[in-house]
Amino acid sequence: MKGRNVTRVDLYEAVYQKVGLSRSETSLLVELMLSKVADALADGETVKLSSFGTFIVRKKDQRIGRNPKTGIEVPISSRRVIVFKPSSILKQHINDEQSDSKTPVVASY
């Protein structure tokens, strides 16, 4: 999967290969997981995936920005943004010289 985006279909296929459920059950499982994560974030909750990282919803206040082309000031409305903080295990995995191997990110317990 190097050099391209990982799609939902890629996730379905990876889970299908590892778990052995039917393709329809696998796609339902992945969609349910993604839906739960999205719903929790929409509710302003923090989502922590052990050995992977944490998704945090932060509120940004309204501010004044400038159009770089014209220099005109424009108000930027307040909004919520999602911030991802990778776990130390994930950081180690992506910085490891042996990360080209297909070893899973999940820690051994």
PDB file of N, CA and C in Angstrom:
ATOM      1  N   MET A   1       0.813  -1.198   0.000  1.00  0.00           N
ATOM      2  CA  MET A   1       0.000   0.000   0.000  1.00  0.00           C
ATOM      3  C   MET A   1       0.851   1.254   0.000  1.00  0.00           C
ATOM      4  N   LYS A   2       2.104   1.124  -0.288  1.00  0.00           N
ATOM      5  CA  LYS A   2       3.008   2.258  -0.254  1.00  0.00           C
ATOM      6  C   LYS A   2       2.776   3.168  -1.458  1.00  0.00           C
ATOM      7  N   GLY A   3       2.778   4.479  -1.213  1.00  0.00           N
ATOM      8  CA  GLY A   3       2.698   5.433  -2.297  1.00  0.00           C
ATOM      9  C   GLY A   3       1.294   5.739  -2.784  1.00  0.00           C
ATOM     10  N   ARG A   4       0.271   5.294  -2.047  1.00  0.00           N
ATOM     11  CA  ARG A   4      -1.089   5.614  -2.449  1.00  0.00           C
ATOM     12  C   ARG A   4      -1.958   5.730  -1.208  1.00  0.00           C
ATOM     13  N   ASN A   5      -3.184   6.141  -1.398  1.00  0.00           N
ATOM     14  CA  ASN A   5      -4.112   6.265  -0.278  1.00  0.00           C
ATOM     15  C   ASN A   5      -4.684   4.913   0.095  1.00  0.00           C
ATOM     16  N   VAL A   6      -4.967   4.726   1.361  1.00  0.00           N
ATOM     17  CA  VAL A   6      -5.651   3.534   1.828  1.00  0.00           C
ATOM     18  C   VAL A   6      -7.139   3.856   1.824  1.00  0.00           C
ATOM     19  N   THR A   7      -7.903   3.076   1.080  1.00  0.00           N
ATOM     20  CA  THR A   7      -9.335   3.318   0.949  1.00  0.00           C
ATOM     21  C   THR A   7     -10.122   2.369   1.851  1.00  0.00           C
ATOM     22  N   ARG A   8     -11.427   2.596   1.910  1.00  0.00           N
ATOM     23  CA  ARG A   8     -12.297   1.696   2.667  1.00  0.00           C
ATOM     24  C   ARG A   8     -12.209   0.280   2.114  1.00  0.00           C
ATOM     25  N   VAL A   9     -12.134   0.167   0.809  1.00  0.00           N
ATOM     26  CA  VAL A   9     -12.036  -1.153   0.183  1.00  0.00           C
ATOM     27  C   VAL A   9     -10.757  -1.858   0.645  1.00  0.00           C
ATOM     28  N   ASP A  10      -9.671  -1.113   0.758  1.00  0.00           N
ATOM     29  CA  ASP A  10      -8.419  -1.685   1.266  1.00  0.00           C
ATOM     30  C   ASP A  10      -8.596  -2.185   2.702  1.00  0.00           C
ATOM     31  N   LEU A  11      -9.309  -1.403   3.510  1.00  0.00           N
ATOM     32  CA  LEU A  11      -9.560  -1.822   4.887  1.00  0.00           C
ATOM     33  C   LEU A  11     -10.438  -3.072   4.927  1.00  0.00           C
ATOM     34  N   TYR A  12     -11.491  -3.081   4.092  1.00  0.00           N
ATOM     35  CA  TYR A  12     -12.363  -4.263   4.018  1.00  0.00           C
ATOM     36  C   TYR A  12     -11.535  -5.498   3.688  1.00  0.00           C
ATOM     37  N   GLU A  13     -10.690  -5.372   2.688  1.00  0.00           N
ATOM     38  CA  GLU A  13      -9.907  -6.513   2.216  1.00  0.00           C
ATOM     39  C   GLU A  13      -8.910  -6.979   3.285  1.00  0.00           C
ATOM     40  N   ALA A  14      -8.268  -6.042   3.965  1.00  0.00           N
ATOM     41  CA  ALA A  14      -7.308  -6.404   5.005  1.00  0.00           C
ATOM     42  C   ALA A  14      -7.996  -7.142   6.148  1.00  0.00           C
ATOM     43  N   VAL A  15      -9.152  -6.656   6.568  1.00  0.00           N
ATOM     44  CA  VAL A  15      -9.887  -7.322   7.640  1.00  0.00           C
ATOM     45  C   VAL A  15     -10.392  -8.681   7.158  1.00  0.00           C
ATOM     46  N   TYR A  16     -10.878  -8.733   5.936  1.00  0.00           N
ATOM     47  CA  TYR A  16     -11.357  -9.995   5.356  1.00  0.00           C
ATOM     48  C   TYR A  16     -10.254 -11.056   5.360  1.00  0.00           C
ATOM     49  N   GLN A  17      -9.048 -10.664   4.975  1.00  0.00           N
ATOM     50  CA  GLN A  17      -7.933 -11.605   4.918  1.00  0.00           C
ATOM     51  C   GLN A  17      -7.521 -12.095   6.311  1.00  0.00           C
ATOM     52  N   LYS A  18      -7.583 -11.210   7.307  1.00  0.00           N
ATOM     53  CA  LYS A  18      -7.126 -11.562   8.655  1.00  0.00           C
ATOM     54  C   LYS A  18      -8.186 -12.277   9.488  1.00  0.00           C
ATOM     55  N   VAL A  19      -9.439 -11.844   9.384  1.00  0.00           N
ATOM     56  CA  VAL A  19     -10.472 -12.338  10.280  1.00  0.00           C
ATOM     57  C   VAL A  19     -11.191 -13.560   9.714  1.00  0.00           C
ATOM     58  N   GLY A  20     -11.412 -13.584   8.419  1.00  0.00           N
ATOM     59  CA  GLY A  20     -12.061 -14.734   7.815  1.00  0.00           C
ATOM     60  C   GLY A  20     -13.573 -14.650   7.783  1.00  0.00           C
ATOM     61  N   LEU A  21     -14.145 -13.500   8.075  1.00  0.00           N
ATOM     62  CA  LEU A  21     -15.590 -13.315   7.919  1.00  0.00           C
ATOM     63  C   LEU A  21     -15.908 -13.194   6.434  1.00  0.00           C
ATOM     64  N   SER A  22     -17.188 -13.238   6.107  1.00  0.00           N
ATOM     65  CA  SER A  22     -17.573 -13.030   4.711  1.00  0.00           C
ATOM     66  C   SER A  22     -17.283 -11.584   4.335  1.00  0.00           C
ATOM     67  N   ARG A  23     -17.240 -11.314   3.054  1.00  0.00           N
ATOM     68  CA  ARG A  23     -16.946  -9.943   2.601  1.00  0.00           C
ATOM     69  C   ARG A  23     -18.029  -8.963   3.058  1.00  0.00           C
ATOM     70  N   SER A  24     -19.280  -9.373   3.033  1.00  0.00           N
ATOM     71  CA  SER A  24     -20.351  -8.470   3.466  1.00  0.00           C
ATOM     72  C   SER A  24     -20.265  -8.219   4.971  1.00  0.00           C
ATOM     73  N   GLU A  25     -19.948  -9.241   5.758  1.00  0.00           N
ATOM     74  CA  GLU A  25     -19.791  -9.057   7.200  1.00  0.00           C
ATOM     75  C   GLU A  25     -18.582  -8.174   7.508  1.00  0.00           C
ATOM     76  N   THR A  26     -17.525  -8.355   6.734  1.00  0.00           N
ATOM     77  CA  THR A  26     -16.321  -7.555   6.923  1.00  0.00           C
ATOM     78  C   THR A  26     -16.593  -6.085   6.629  1.00  0.00           C
ATOM     79  N   SER A  27     -17.272  -5.811   5.521  1.00  0.00           N
ATOM     80  CA  SER A  27     -17.570  -4.412   5.180  1.00  0.00           C
ATOM     81  C   SER A  27     -18.491  -3.790   6.221  1.00  0.00           C
ATOM     82  N   LEU A  28     -19.446  -4.566   6.728  1.00  0.00           N
ATOM     83  CA  LEU A  28     -20.338  -4.070   7.771  1.00  0.00           C
ATOM     84  C   LEU A  28     -19.558  -3.759   9.049  1.00  0.00           C
ATOM     85  N   LEU A  29     -18.617  -4.622   9.411  1.00  0.00           N
ATOM     86  CA  LEU A  29     -17.791  -4.428  10.597  1.00  0.00           C
ATOM     87  C   LEU A  29     -16.955  -3.154  10.493  1.00  0.00           C
ATOM     88  N   VAL A  30     -16.293  -2.959   9.357  1.00  0.00           N
ATOM     89  CA  VAL A  30     -15.461  -1.768   9.160  1.00  0.00           C
ATOM     90  C   VAL A  30     -16.326  -0.512   9.156  1.00  0.00           C
ATOM     91  N   GLU A  31     -17.451  -0.547   8.472  1.00  0.00           N
ATOM     92  CA  GLU A  31     -18.353   0.616   8.429  1.00  0.00           C
ATOM     93  C   GLU A  31     -18.891   0.956   9.814  1.00  0.00           C
ATOM     94  N   LEU A  32     -19.228  -0.066  10.597  1.00  0.00           N
ATOM     95  CA  LEU A  32     -19.719   0.156  11.956  1.00  0.00           C
ATOM     96  C   LEU A  32     -18.653   0.818  12.819  1.00  0.00           C
ATOM     97  N   MET A  33     -17.421   0.345  12.710  1.00  0.00           N
ATOM     98  CA  MET A  33     -16.328   0.933  13.479  1.00  0.00           C
ATOM     99  C   MET A  33     -16.090   2.395  13.085  1.00  0.00           C
ATOM    100  N   LEU A  34     -16.042   2.663  11.791  1.00  0.00           N
ATOM    101  CA  LEU A  34     -15.832   4.039  11.332  1.00  0.00           C
ATOM    102  C   LEU A  34     -16.992   4.943  11.743  1.00  0.00           C
ATOM    103  N   SER A  35     -18.200   4.405  11.694  1.00  0.00           N
ATOM    104  CA  SER A  35     -19.385   5.164  12.093  1.00  0.00           C
ATOM    105  C   SER A  35     -19.341   5.517  13.577  1.00  0.00           C
ATOM    106  N   LYS A  36     -18.944   4.571  14.406  1.00  0.00           N
ATOM    107  CA  LYS A  36     -18.845   4.819  15.852  1.00  0.00           C
ATOM    108  C   LYS A  36     -17.799   5.888  16.159  1.00  0.00           C
ATOM    109  N   VAL A  37     -16.672   5.829  15.481  1.00  0.00           N
ATOM    110  CA  VAL A  37     -15.624   6.833  15.673  1.00  0.00           C
ATOM    111  C   VAL A  37     -16.138   8.205  15.242  1.00  0.00           C
ATOM    112  N   ALA A  38     -16.769   8.280  14.069  1.00  0.00           N
ATOM    113  CA  ALA A  38     -17.283   9.559  13.560  1.00  0.00           C
ATOM    114  C   ALA A  38     -18.367  10.127  14.476  1.00  0.00           C
ATOM    115  N   ASP A  39     -19.265   9.279  14.974  1.00  0.00           N
ATOM    116  CA  ASP A  39     -20.331   9.742  15.874  1.00  0.00           C
ATOM    117  C   ASP A  39     -19.755  10.280  17.178  1.00  0.00           C
ATOM    118  N   ALA A  40     -18.771   9.582  17.726  1.00  0.00           N
ATOM    119  CA  ALA A  40     -18.155  10.032  18.969  1.00  0.00           C
ATOM    120  C   ALA A  40     -17.472  11.389  18.775  1.00  0.00           C
ATOM    121  N   LEU A  41     -16.774  11.560  17.661  1.00  0.00           N
ATOM    122  CA  LEU A  41     -16.110  12.839  17.385  1.00  0.00           C
ATOM    123  C   LEU A  41     -17.134  13.948  17.166  1.00  0.00           C
ATOM    124  N   ALA A  42     -18.227  13.643  16.481  1.00  0.00           N
ATOM    125  CA  ALA A  42     -19.281  14.639  16.252  1.00  0.00           C
ATOM    126  C   ALA A  42     -19.900  15.086  17.576  1.00  0.00           C
ATOM    127  N   ASP A  43     -19.938  14.186  18.563  1.00  0.00           N
ATOM    128  CA  ASP A  43     -20.459  14.517  19.886  1.00  0.00           C
ATOM    129  C   ASP A  43     -19.428  15.230  20.754  1.00  0.00           C
ATOM    130  N   GLY A  44     -18.224  15.456  20.220  1.00  0.00           N
ATOM    131  CA  GLY A  44     -17.181  16.161  20.952  1.00  0.00           C
ATOM    132  C   GLY A  44     -16.362  15.278  21.861  1.00  0.00           C
ATOM    133  N   GLU A  45     -16.516  13.971  21.736  1.00  0.00           N
ATOM    134  CA  GLU A  45     -15.766  13.040  22.575  1.00  0.00           C
ATOM    135  C   GLU A  45     -14.369  12.813  22.012  1.00  0.00           C
ATOM    136  N   THR A  46     -13.460  12.397  22.880  1.00  0.00           N
ATOM    137  CA  THR A  46     -12.119  12.006  22.473  1.00  0.00           C
ATOM    138  C   THR A  46     -12.139  10.517  22.172  1.00  0.00           C
ATOM    139  N   VAL A  47     -11.509  10.116  21.071  1.00  0.00           N
ATOM    140  CA  VAL A  47     -11.455   8.703  20.693  1.00  0.00           C
ATOM    141  C   VAL A  47     -10.008   8.240  20.804  1.00  0.00           C
ATOM    142  N   LYS A  48      -9.781   7.272  21.692  1.00  0.00           N
ATOM    143  CA  LYS A  48      -8.436   6.742  21.892  1.00  0.00           C
ATOM    144  C   LYS A  48      -8.399   5.303  21.400  1.00  0.00           C
ATOM    145  N   LEU A  49      -7.500   5.043  20.452  1.00  0.00           N
ATOM    146  CA  LEU A  49      -7.280   3.697  19.939  1.00  0.00           C
ATOM    147  C   LEU A  49      -5.920   3.257  20.454  1.00  0.00           C
ATOM    148  N   SER A  50      -5.946   2.347  21.397  1.00  0.00           N
ATOM    149  CA  SER A  50      -4.726   1.901  22.060  1.00  0.00           C
ATOM    150  C   SER A  50      -3.692   1.450  21.041  1.00  0.00           C
ATOM    151  N   SER A  51      -2.465   1.835  21.254  1.00  0.00           N
ATOM    152  CA  SER A  51      -1.309   1.513  20.400  1.00  0.00           C
ATOM    153  C   SER A  51      -1.376   2.173  19.025  1.00  0.00           C
ATOM    154  N   PHE A  52      -2.357   3.041  18.804  1.00  0.00           N
ATOM    155  CA  PHE A  52      -2.473   3.731  17.523  1.00  0.00           C
ATOM    156  C   PHE A  52      -2.418   5.238  17.721  1.00  0.00           C
ATOM    157  N   GLY A  53      -3.371   5.777  18.480  1.00  0.00           N
ATOM    158  CA  GLY A  53      -3.362   7.211  18.724  1.00  0.00           C
ATOM    159  C   GLY A  53      -4.689   7.702  19.255  1.00  0.00           C
ATOM    160  N   THR A  54      -4.789   9.021  19.398  1.00  0.00           N
ATOM    161  CA  THR A  54      -5.968   9.649  19.964  1.00  0.00           C
ATOM    162  C   THR A  54      -6.465  10.740  19.024  1.00  0.00           C
ATOM    163  N   PHE A  55      -7.780  10.727  18.767  1.00  0.00           N
ATOM    164  CA  PHE A  55      -8.441  11.769  18.000  1.00  0.00           C
ATOM    165  C   PHE A  55      -9.118  12.696  19.000  1.00  0.00           C
ATOM    166  N   ILE A  56      -8.808  13.994  18.908  1.00  0.00           N
ATOM    167  CA  ILE A  56      -9.322  14.978  19.853  1.00  0.00           C
ATOM    168  C   ILE A  56     -10.056  16.061  19.061  1.00  0.00           C
ATOM    169  N   VAL A  57     -11.231  16.469  19.566  1.00  0.00           N
ATOM    170  CA  VAL A  57     -11.977  17.563  18.952  1.00  0.00           C
ATOM    171  C   VAL A  57     -11.634  18.834  19.715  1.00  0.00           C
ATOM    172  N   ARG A  58     -11.169  19.843  19.004  1.00  0.00           N
ATOM    173  CA  ARG A  58     -10.832  21.129  19.611  1.00  0.00           C
ATOM    174  C   ARG A  58     -11.687  22.218  18.989  1.00  0.00           C
ATOM    175  N   LYS A  59     -11.996  23.213  19.793  1.00  0.00           N
ATOM    176  CA  LYS A  59     -12.782  24.348  19.310  1.00  0.00           C
ATOM    177  C   LYS A  59     -11.837  25.500  19.001  1.00  0.00           C
ATOM    178  N   LYS A  60     -11.978  26.047  17.802  1.00  0.00           N
ATOM    179  CA  LYS A  60     -11.194  27.221  17.422  1.00  0.00           C
ATOM    180  C   LYS A  60     -12.137  28.418  17.422  1.00  0.00           C
ATOM    181  N   ASP A  61     -11.729  29.464  18.087  1.00  0.00           N
ATOM    182  CA  ASP A  61     -12.552  30.671  18.170  1.00  0.00           C
ATOM    183  C   ASP A  61     -12.518  31.442  16.853  1.00  0.00           C
ATOM    184  N   GLN A  62     -13.479  32.343  16.710  1.00  0.00           N
ATOM    185  CA  GLN A  62     -13.521  33.204  15.531  1.00  0.00           C
ATOM    186  C   GLN A  62     -12.288  34.098  15.534  1.00  0.00           C
ATOM    187  N   ARG A  63     -11.778  34.357  14.314  1.00  0.00           N
ATOM    188  CA  ARG A  63     -10.611  35.224  14.194  1.00  0.00           C
ATOM    189  C   ARG A  63     -10.684  35.972  12.868  1.00  0.00           C
ATOM    190  N   ILE A  64      -9.793  36.902  12.725  1.00  0.00           N
ATOM    191  CA  ILE A  64      -9.713  37.680  11.492  1.00  0.00           C
ATOM    192  C   ILE A  64      -8.559  37.138  10.655  1.00  0.00           C
ATOM    193  N   GLY A  65      -8.840  36.843   9.396  1.00  0.00           N
ATOM    194  CA  GLY A  65      -7.815  36.405   8.466  1.00  0.00           C
ATOM    195  C   GLY A  65      -7.691  37.405   7.336  1.00  0.00           C
ATOM    196  N   ARG A  66      -6.686  37.250   6.519  1.00  0.00           N
ATOM    197  CA  ARG A  66      -6.482  38.160   5.382  1.00  0.00           C
ATOM    198  C   ARG A  66      -6.410  37.362   4.095  1.00  0.00           C
ATOM    199  N   ASN A  67      -7.074  37.879   3.087  1.00  0.00           N
ATOM    200  CA  ASN A  67      -6.950  37.305   1.760  1.00  0.00           C
ATOM    201  C   ASN A  67      -5.542  37.645   1.274  1.00  0.00           C
ATOM    202  N   PRO A  68      -4.690  36.652   1.021  1.00  0.00           N
ATOM    203  CA  PRO A  68      -3.305  36.961   0.649  1.00  0.00           C
ATOM    204  C   PRO A  68      -3.183  37.688  -0.688  1.00  0.00           C
ATOM    205  N   LYS A  69      -4.163  37.528  -1.537  1.00  0.00           N
ATOM    206  CA  LYS A  69      -4.104  38.175  -2.851  1.00  0.00           C
ATOM    207  C   LYS A  69      -4.470  39.659  -2.778  1.00  0.00           C
ATOM    208  N   THR A  70      -5.534  39.957  -2.011  1.00  0.00           N
ATOM    209  CA  THR A  70      -6.020  41.341  -1.965  1.00  0.00           C
ATOM    210  C   THR A  70      -5.660  42.068  -0.675  1.00  0.00           C
ATOM    211  N   GLY A  71      -5.343  41.326   0.377  1.00  0.00           N
ATOM    212  CA  GLY A  71      -5.033  41.944   1.659  1.00  0.00           C
ATOM    213  C   GLY A  71      -6.262  42.333   2.455  1.00  0.00           C
ATOM    214  N   ILE A  72      -7.449  42.027   1.941  1.00  0.00           N
ATOM    215  CA  ILE A  72      -8.692  42.379   2.633  1.00  0.00           C
ATOM    216  C   ILE A  72      -8.884  41.448   3.831  1.00  0.00           C
ATOM    217  N   GLU A  73      -9.262  42.047   4.977  1.00  0.00           N
ATOM    218  CA  GLU A  73      -9.526  41.253   6.167  1.00  0.00           C
ATOM    219  C   GLU A  73     -10.880  40.569   6.042  1.00  0.00           C
ATOM    220  N   VAL A  74     -10.904  39.298   6.440  1.00  0.00           N
ATOM    221  CA  VAL A  74     -12.119  38.497   6.357  1.00  0.00           C
ATOM    222  C   VAL A  74     -12.288  37.756   7.679  1.00  0.00           C
ATOM    223  N   PRO A  75     -13.508  37.784   8.268  1.00  0.00           N
ATOM    224  CA  PRO A  75     -13.696  37.026   9.500  1.00  0.00           C
ATOM    225  C   PRO A  75     -13.763  35.521   9.208  1.00  0.00           C
ATOM    226  N   ILE A  76     -13.061  34.752  10.015  1.00  0.00           N
ATOM    227  CA  ILE A  76     -13.108  33.300   9.922  1.00  0.00           C
ATOM    228  C   ILE A  76     -13.935  32.830  11.110  1.00  0.00           C
ATOM    229  N   SER A  77     -15.036  32.146  10.825  1.00  0.00           N
ATOM    230  CA  SER A  77     -15.965  31.761  11.881  1.00  0.00           C
ATOM    231  C   SER A  77     -15.361  30.703  12.809  1.00  0.00           C
ATOM    232  N   SER A  78     -15.931  30.619  14.008  1.00  0.00           N
ATOM    233  CA  SER A  78     -15.468  29.603  14.955  1.00  0.00           C
ATOM    234  C   SER A  78     -15.861  28.234  14.412  1.00  0.00           C
ATOM    235  N   ARG A  79     -15.082  27.244  14.766  1.00  0.00           N
ATOM    236  CA  ARG A  79     -15.332  25.902  14.250  1.00  0.00           C
ATOM    237  C   ARG A  79     -14.669  24.884  15.152  1.00  0.00           C
ATOM    238  N   ARG A  80     -15.040  23.639  14.934  1.00  0.00           N
ATOM    239  CA  ARG A  80     -14.390  22.538  15.641  1.00  0.00           C
ATOM    240  C   ARG A  80     -13.486  21.819  14.654  1.00  0.00           C
ATOM    241  N   VAL A  81     -12.322  21.421  15.125  1.00  0.00           N
ATOM    242  CA  VAL A  81     -11.365  20.711  14.275  1.00  0.00           C
ATOM    243  C   VAL A  81     -10.959  19.415  14.971  1.00  0.00           C
ATOM    244  N   ILE A  82     -10.556  18.441  14.173  1.00  0.00           N
ATOM    245  CA  ILE A  82     -10.093  17.171  14.710  1.00  0.00           C
ATOM    246  C   ILE A  82      -8.571  17.171  14.676  1.00  0.00           C
ATOM    247  N   VAL A  83      -7.983  16.812  15.801  1.00  0.00           N
ATOM    248  CA  VAL A  83      -6.538  16.721  15.929  1.00  0.00           C
ATOM    249  C   VAL A  83      -6.205  15.261  16.219  1.00  0.00           C
ATOM    250  N   PHE A  84      -5.187  14.737  15.549  1.00  0.00           N
ATOM    251  CA  PHE A  84      -4.748  13.364  15.802  1.00  0.00           C
ATOM    252  C   PHE A  84      -3.395  13.395  16.485  1.00  0.00           C
ATOM    253  N   LYS A  85      -3.300  12.691  17.601  1.00  0.00           N
ATOM    254  CA  LYS A  85      -2.038  12.577  18.316  1.00  0.00           C
ATOM    255  C   LYS A  85      -1.624  11.106  18.282  1.00  0.00           C
ATOM    256  N   PRO A  86      -0.581  10.782  17.533  1.00  0.00           N
ATOM    257  CA  PRO A  86      -0.170   9.374  17.432  1.00  0.00           C
ATOM    258  C   PRO A  86       0.417   8.868  18.743  1.00  0.00           C
ATOM    259  N   SER A  87       0.237   7.572  18.987  1.00  0.00           N
ATOM    260  CA  SER A  87       0.820   6.965  20.184  1.00  0.00           C
ATOM    261  C   SER A  87       2.324   6.804  19.985  1.00  0.00           C
ATOM    262  N   SER A  88       3.019   6.592  21.069  1.00  0.00           N
ATOM    263  CA  SER A  88       4.467   6.390  20.966  1.00  0.00           C
ATOM    264  C   SER A  88       4.787   5.109  20.200  1.00  0.00           C
ATOM    265  N   ILE A  89       3.907   4.108  20.293  1.00  0.00           N
ATOM    266  CA  ILE A  89       4.114   2.861  19.553  1.00  0.00           C
ATOM    267  C   ILE A  89       4.009   3.111  18.055  1.00  0.00           C
ATOM    268  N   LEU A  90       3.024   3.914  17.630  1.00  0.00           N
ATOM    269  CA  LEU A  90       2.876   4.240  16.214  1.00  0.00           C
ATOM    270  C   LEU A  90       4.059   5.076  15.735  1.00  0.00           C
ATOM    271  N   LYS A  91       4.480   6.041  16.532  1.00  0.00           N
ATOM    272  CA  LYS A  91       5.646   6.860  16.169  1.00  0.00           C
ATOM    273  C   LYS A  91       6.877   5.984  15.977  1.00  0.00           C
ATOM    274  N   GLN A  92       7.067   5.049  16.895  1.00  0.00           N
ATOM    275  CA  GLN A  92       8.211   4.150  16.807  1.00  0.00           C
ATOM    276  C   GLN A  92       8.105   3.286  15.544  1.00  0.00           C
ATOM    277  N   HIS A  93       6.906   2.835  15.245  1.00  0.00           N
ATOM    278  CA  HIS A  93       6.692   1.977  14.075  1.00  0.00           C
ATOM    279  C   HIS A  93       7.023   2.708  12.770  1.00  0.00           C
ATOM    280  N   ILE A  94       6.577   3.961  12.648  1.00  0.00           N
ATOM    281  CA  ILE A  94       6.821   4.672  11.390  1.00  0.00           C
ATOM    282  C   ILE A  94       8.253   5.170  11.275  1.00  0.00           C
ATOM    283  N   ASN A  95       8.949   5.298  12.400  1.00  0.00           N
ATOM    284  CA  ASN A  95      10.338   5.741  12.364  1.00  0.00           C
ATOM    285  C   ASN A  95      11.333   4.590  12.405  1.00  0.00           C
ATOM    286  N   ASP A  96      10.847   3.399  12.599  1.00  0.00           N
ATOM    287  CA  ASP A  96      11.700   2.219  12.668  1.00  0.00           C
ATOM    288  C   ASP A  96      12.253   1.910  11.285  1.00  0.00           C
ATOM    289  N   GLU A  97      13.527   1.584  11.220  1.00  0.00           N
ATOM    290  CA  GLU A  97      14.153   1.258   9.929  1.00  0.00           C
ATOM    291  C   GLU A  97      13.559   0.005   9.325  1.00  0.00           C
ATOM    292  N   GLN A  98      12.981  -0.844  10.136  1.00  0.00           N
ATOM    293  CA  GLN A  98      12.393  -2.079   9.638  1.00  0.00           C
ATOM    294  C   GLN A  98      10.892  -1.930   9.398  1.00  0.00           C
ATOM    295  N   SER A  99      10.369  -0.708   9.289  1.00  0.00           N
ATOM    296  CA  SER A  99       8.935  -0.504   9.118  1.00  0.00           C
ATOM    297  C   SER A  99       8.440  -0.984   7.758  1.00  0.00           C
ATOM    298  N   ASP A 100       9.347  -1.288   6.835  1.00  0.00           N
ATOM    299  CA  ASP A 100       8.942  -1.818   5.537  1.00  0.00           C
ATOM    300  C   ASP A 100       8.366  -3.222   5.669  1.00  0.00           C
ATOM    301  N   SER A 101       8.703  -3.909   6.768  1.00  0.00           N
ATOM    302  CA  SER A 101       8.128  -5.239   6.966  1.00  0.00           C
ATOM    303  C   SER A 101       6.657  -5.082   7.303  1.00  0.00           C
ATOM    304  N   LYS A 102       5.888  -6.094   7.057  1.00  0.00           N
ATOM    305  CA  LYS A 102       4.444  -6.042   7.257  1.00  0.00           C
ATOM    306  C   LYS A 102       4.058  -6.419   8.685  1.00  0.00           C
ATOM    307  N   THR A 103       4.845  -5.961   9.676  1.00  0.00           N
ATOM    308  CA  THR A 103       4.509  -6.263  11.052  1.00  0.00           C
ATOM    309  C   THR A 103       3.366  -5.376  11.503  1.00  0.00           C
ATOM    310  N   PRO A 104       2.442  -5.928  12.312  1.00  0.00           N
ATOM    311  CA  PRO A 104       1.310  -5.121  12.773  1.00  0.00           C
ATOM    312  C   PRO A 104       1.745  -4.043  13.751  1.00  0.00           C
ATOM    313  N   VAL A 105       0.954  -2.976  13.827  1.00  0.00           N
ATOM    314  CA  VAL A 105       1.253  -1.855  14.705  1.00  0.00           C
ATOM    315  C   VAL A 105       0.874  -2.188  16.137  1.00  0.00           C
ATOM    316  N   VAL A 106      -0.075  -3.090  16.336  1.00  0.00           N
ATOM    317  CA  VAL A 106      -0.578  -3.417  17.654  1.00  0.00           C
ATOM    318  C   VAL A 106       0.540  -4.001  18.514  1.00  0.00           C
ATOM    319  N   ALA A 107       0.641  -3.511  19.720  1.00  0.00           N
ATOM    320  CA  ALA A 107       1.705  -3.951  20.635  1.00  0.00           C
ATOM    321  C   ALA A 107       1.457  -5.374  21.090  1.00  0.00           C
ATOM    322  N   SER A 108       2.518  -6.068  21.380  1.00  0.00           N
ATOM    323  CA  SER A 108       2.423  -7.416  21.935  1.00  0.00           C
ATOM    324  C   SER A 108       2.236  -7.308  23.427  1.00  0.00           C
ATOM    325  N   TYR A 109       1.282  -8.026  23.945  1.00  0.00           N
ATOM    326  CA  TYR A 109       1.015  -7.991  25.390  1.00  0.00           C
ATOM    327  C   TYR A 109       1.287  -9.332  25.997  1.00  0.00           C
TER     328      TYR A 109
END
